[in-house]
Amino acid sequence: MRLRYPLCSLFFLLTLLCLLPAAHADSWLPPKPSVTYESLSGDARFIVTASPRSDSLITCRGAAWIKSSDSEWRQLWDKPLQNRLSPVTAVVANGGWRIVTFDNYYSVGYGDEVIVFYNETGDLIKKYALEDLLSKEELDRVPRSVSSRWWRSQVRLDEALGVLTVDVVQSYADKRSIKSISFDLGNGGILSR
């Protein structure tokens, strides 16, 4: 009789633990010291140099390069980026007139640097937090892990129209859907959401 109550209590606790939502752990390798992104035409490059340590006061740097008519690379700019450690990825417009970075390394979907637009001289045009782009309900439907909100699906750059479109993942119970947000490449403004 004495063993019955502790066993029942243990069984009850294990059952409760199984019913709790699972937290998905993240596994991040350190950022590469340097990553190069190219435009679709291959005439522009963006090189990100990661900050040496995540607790460093030194931010990461970005350098934009364009290919001249004699096929030589010429640097447009080299400046600190908005991200402290490193962006997760970037998109480079042909000719290097716009560069857009996405997310912060080790914490996708968090911070004021979820999307950052830079001009041809490396100056900040516009930056967004995920809270600027999604309603509270939409934000709650973004898949999460321990350190990140996995919001971004696909990124499309339409240079003819000057539009950047980002597909946002939305989860409803067992269903997934996509919400598209379009930005003006010229000023970084939101065109549609």
Protein backbone atom coordinates (compact mmCIF):
# COMPACT_ATOMS: atom_id res chain seq x y z
CA MET A 1 0.00 0.00 0.00
CA ARG A 2 2.86 2.41 0.79
CA LEU A 3 4.37 1.98 -2.67
CA ARG A 4 1.11 2.51 -4.45
CA TYR A 5 0.82 6.28 -3.77
CA PRO A 6 4.40 7.20 -4.80
CA LEU A 7 4.05 5.11 -7.98
CA CYS A 8 0.73 6.75 -8.83
CA SER A 9 2.22 10.17 -8.17
CA LEU A 10 5.23 9.38 -10.35
CA PHE A 11 2.99 8.11 -13.14
CA PHE A 12 0.86 11.27 -12.90
CA LEU A 13 3.94 13.54 -13.08
CA LEU A 14 5.37 11.68 -16.07
CA THR A 15 2.03 11.94 -17.84
CA LEU A 16 1.94 15.70 -17.23
CA LEU A 17 5.48 16.11 -18.55
CA CYS A 18 4.55 14.28 -21.74
CA LEU A 19 1.62 16.63 -22.29
CA LEU A 20 3.69 19.83 -22.04
CA PRO A 21 4.66 21.42 -25.35
CA ALA A 22 8.14 20.46 -26.40
CA ALA A 23 10.79 23.14 -26.70
CA HIS A 24 12.97 22.65 -29.73
CA ALA A 25 16.63 23.12 -28.94
CA ASP A 26 18.86 25.00 -31.35
CA SER A 27 22.28 23.95 -32.46
CA TRP A 28 24.41 26.73 -33.94
CA LEU A 29 27.92 26.43 -35.27
CA PRO A 30 29.96 29.60 -34.77
CA PRO A 31 29.51 32.05 -37.66
CA LYS A 32 32.05 31.79 -40.44
CA PRO A 33 34.70 34.52 -40.14
CA SER A 34 33.78 35.76 -43.61
CA VAL A 35 30.84 35.06 -45.95
CA THR A 36 30.40 36.34 -49.51
CA TYR A 37 27.02 36.95 -51.17
CA GLU A 38 26.69 37.73 -54.89
CA SER A 39 24.09 39.42 -57.05
CA LEU A 40 22.24 37.29 -59.61
CA SER A 41 24.19 38.84 -62.47
CA GLY A 42 27.50 38.27 -60.66
CA ASP A 43 28.49 41.93 -60.95
CA ALA A 44 28.25 42.77 -57.24
CA ARG A 45 29.46 41.14 -54.03
CA PHE A 46 28.79 41.68 -50.37
CA ILE A 47 31.31 40.30 -47.87
CA VAL A 48 30.31 39.97 -44.22
CA THR A 49 33.09 39.68 -41.67
CA ALA A 50 31.69 38.33 -38.39
CA SER A 51 32.51 39.85 -35.06
CA PRO A 52 35.19 37.75 -33.30
CA ARG A 53 33.01 37.00 -30.23
CA SER A 54 29.31 37.20 -29.45
CA ASP A 55 30.00 39.33 -26.34
CA SER A 56 32.27 41.67 -28.26
CA LEU A 57 31.49 45.37 -28.47
CA ILE A 58 32.87 45.30 -32.00
CA THR A 59 30.10 44.82 -34.54
CA CYS A 60 30.47 42.80 -37.69
CA ARG A 61 31.46 44.56 -40.90
CA GLY A 62 30.13 44.52 -44.42
CA ALA A 63 31.97 45.39 -47.61
CA ALA A 64 30.30 45.88 -51.00
CA TRP A 65 32.19 45.37 -54.25
CA ILE A 66 31.24 45.82 -57.91
CA LYS A 67 32.88 44.47 -61.04
CA SER A 68 34.05 47.15 -63.43
CA SER A 69 33.92 46.95 -67.23
CA ASP A 70 37.48 45.56 -67.28
CA SER A 71 36.37 42.75 -64.89
CA GLU A 72 38.30 44.17 -61.95
CA TRP A 73 36.61 44.34 -58.54
CA ARG A 74 36.22 47.81 -57.02
CA GLN A 75 35.15 48.37 -53.42
CA LEU A 76 32.06 50.54 -52.94
CA TRP A 77 32.10 50.60 -49.15
CA ASP A 78 33.31 48.88 -45.97
CA LYS A 79 31.39 49.73 -42.79
CA PRO A 80 30.08 48.26 -39.54
CA LEU A 81 26.69 46.57 -39.96
CA GLN A 82 23.64 46.94 -37.74
CA ASN A 83 24.06 43.33 -36.53
CA ARG A 84 26.41 42.83 -33.60
CA LEU A 85 27.74 39.35 -34.46
CA SER A 86 26.60 38.65 -38.03
CA PRO A 87 23.48 38.59 -40.18
CA VAL A 88 22.23 35.11 -41.07
CA THR A 89 21.97 35.82 -44.80
CA ALA A 90 21.90 38.67 -47.31
CA VAL A 91 20.60 39.61 -50.76
CA VAL A 92 22.60 41.76 -53.18
CA ALA A 93 20.97 43.75 -55.98
CA ASN A 94 22.68 43.79 -59.36
CA GLY A 95 25.23 46.59 -59.44
CA GLY A 96 25.33 46.64 -55.62
CA TRP A 97 22.90 49.57 -55.36
CA ARG A 98 21.00 47.78 -52.55
CA ILE A 99 21.98 45.18 -50.00
CA VAL A 100 19.48 43.63 -47.62
CA THR A 101 20.51 41.54 -44.61
CA PHE A 102 18.30 39.18 -42.64
CA ASP A 103 18.24 38.24 -38.96
CA ASN A 104 20.86 38.04 -36.23
CA TYR A 105 23.13 35.04 -35.85
CA TYR A 106 22.11 32.87 -32.87
CA SER A 107 18.67 34.56 -32.64
CA VAL A 108 16.72 34.46 -35.91
CA GLY A 109 13.56 36.57 -35.80
CA TYR A 110 14.60 38.64 -32.78
CA GLY A 111 16.04 42.14 -32.56
CA ASP A 112 15.66 45.31 -34.60
CA GLU A 113 17.75 43.83 -37.43
CA VAL A 114 15.38 41.17 -38.80
CA ILE A 115 15.52 42.99 -42.15
CA VAL A 116 18.03 45.77 -42.83
CA PHE A 117 18.29 47.79 -46.07
CA TYR A 118 21.61 49.44 -47.03
CA ASN A 119 22.23 51.80 -49.94
CA GLU A 120 25.14 51.93 -52.42
CA THR A 121 27.36 53.75 -49.89
CA GLY A 122 26.58 51.39 -47.01
CA ASP A 123 24.28 53.77 -45.19
CA LEU A 124 21.23 52.46 -43.39
CA ILE A 125 18.01 53.03 -45.31
CA LYS A 126 15.56 51.15 -43.09
CA LYS A 127 15.49 48.32 -40.58
CA TYR A 128 12.69 46.24 -39.14
CA ALA A 129 11.94 44.07 -36.14
CA LEU A 130 9.51 41.21 -36.69
CA GLU A 131 7.05 43.09 -34.49
CA ASP A 132 7.05 45.89 -37.11
CA LEU A 133 5.97 43.45 -39.83
CA LEU A 134 3.46 41.11 -38.20
CA SER A 135 0.40 41.51 -36.01
CA LYS A 136 0.41 39.89 -32.55
CA GLU A 137 -1.71 37.00 -33.89
CA GLU A 138 0.61 36.48 -36.89
CA LEU A 139 3.66 36.66 -34.64
CA ASP A 140 2.16 33.96 -32.39
CA ARG A 141 1.85 31.66 -35.44
CA VAL A 142 5.55 31.86 -36.36
CA PRO A 143 7.34 28.56 -35.58
CA ARG A 144 9.73 28.91 -32.62
CA SER A 145 12.64 27.16 -31.03
CA VAL A 146 14.58 27.94 -27.88
CA SER A 147 16.54 30.84 -29.38
CA SER A 148 14.78 31.74 -32.62
CA ARG A 149 11.56 32.52 -34.44
CA TRP A 150 11.80 30.73 -37.81
CA TRP A 151 9.72 33.26 -39.72
CA ARG A 152 11.39 33.49 -43.14
CA SER A 153 10.68 31.06 -45.95
CA GLN A 154 11.65 32.45 -49.35
CA VAL A 155 13.07 35.78 -50.49
CA ARG A 156 12.49 37.07 -54.03
CA LEU A 157 14.15 40.08 -55.59
CA ASP A 158 12.43 41.64 -58.63
CA GLU A 159 14.86 44.28 -59.78
CA ALA A 160 12.77 45.29 -62.78
CA LEU A 161 10.01 46.40 -60.40
CA GLY A 162 12.35 47.36 -57.56
CA VAL A 163 10.56 45.01 -55.16
CA LEU A 164 11.80 42.60 -52.49
CA THR A 165 9.25 39.99 -51.40
CA VAL A 166 9.70 37.93 -48.25
CA ASP A 167 7.51 34.91 -47.52
CA VAL A 168 6.66 34.50 -43.84
CA VAL A 169 5.83 31.06 -42.40
CA GLN A 170 2.58 30.83 -40.44
CA SER A 171 1.56 27.68 -38.54
CA TYR A 172 -2.03 26.82 -37.63
CA ALA A 173 -2.13 23.61 -35.56
CA ASP A 174 -0.82 21.08 -38.11
CA LYS A 175 -1.16 23.36 -41.14
CA ARG A 176 1.39 25.76 -42.57
CA SER A 177 0.69 28.77 -44.72
CA ILE A 178 2.73 31.59 -46.21
CA LYS A 179 2.16 35.32 -45.88
CA SER A 180 4.07 37.51 -48.34
CA ILE A 181 5.39 40.96 -47.45
CA SER A 182 6.71 43.21 -50.24
CA PHE A 183 9.18 46.06 -49.80
CA ASP A 184 10.26 48.94 -52.03
CA LEU A 185 13.97 48.44 -52.73
CA GLY A 186 14.43 52.18 -53.19
CA ASN A 187 13.42 53.31 -49.72
CA GLY A 188 12.88 50.05 -47.81
CA GLY A 189 9.21 50.91 -47.25
CA ILE A 190 6.52 48.26 -46.95
CA LEU A 191 4.44 47.97 -50.12
CA SER A 192 2.06 45.22 -49.02
CA ARG A 193 1.63 42.77 -46.20
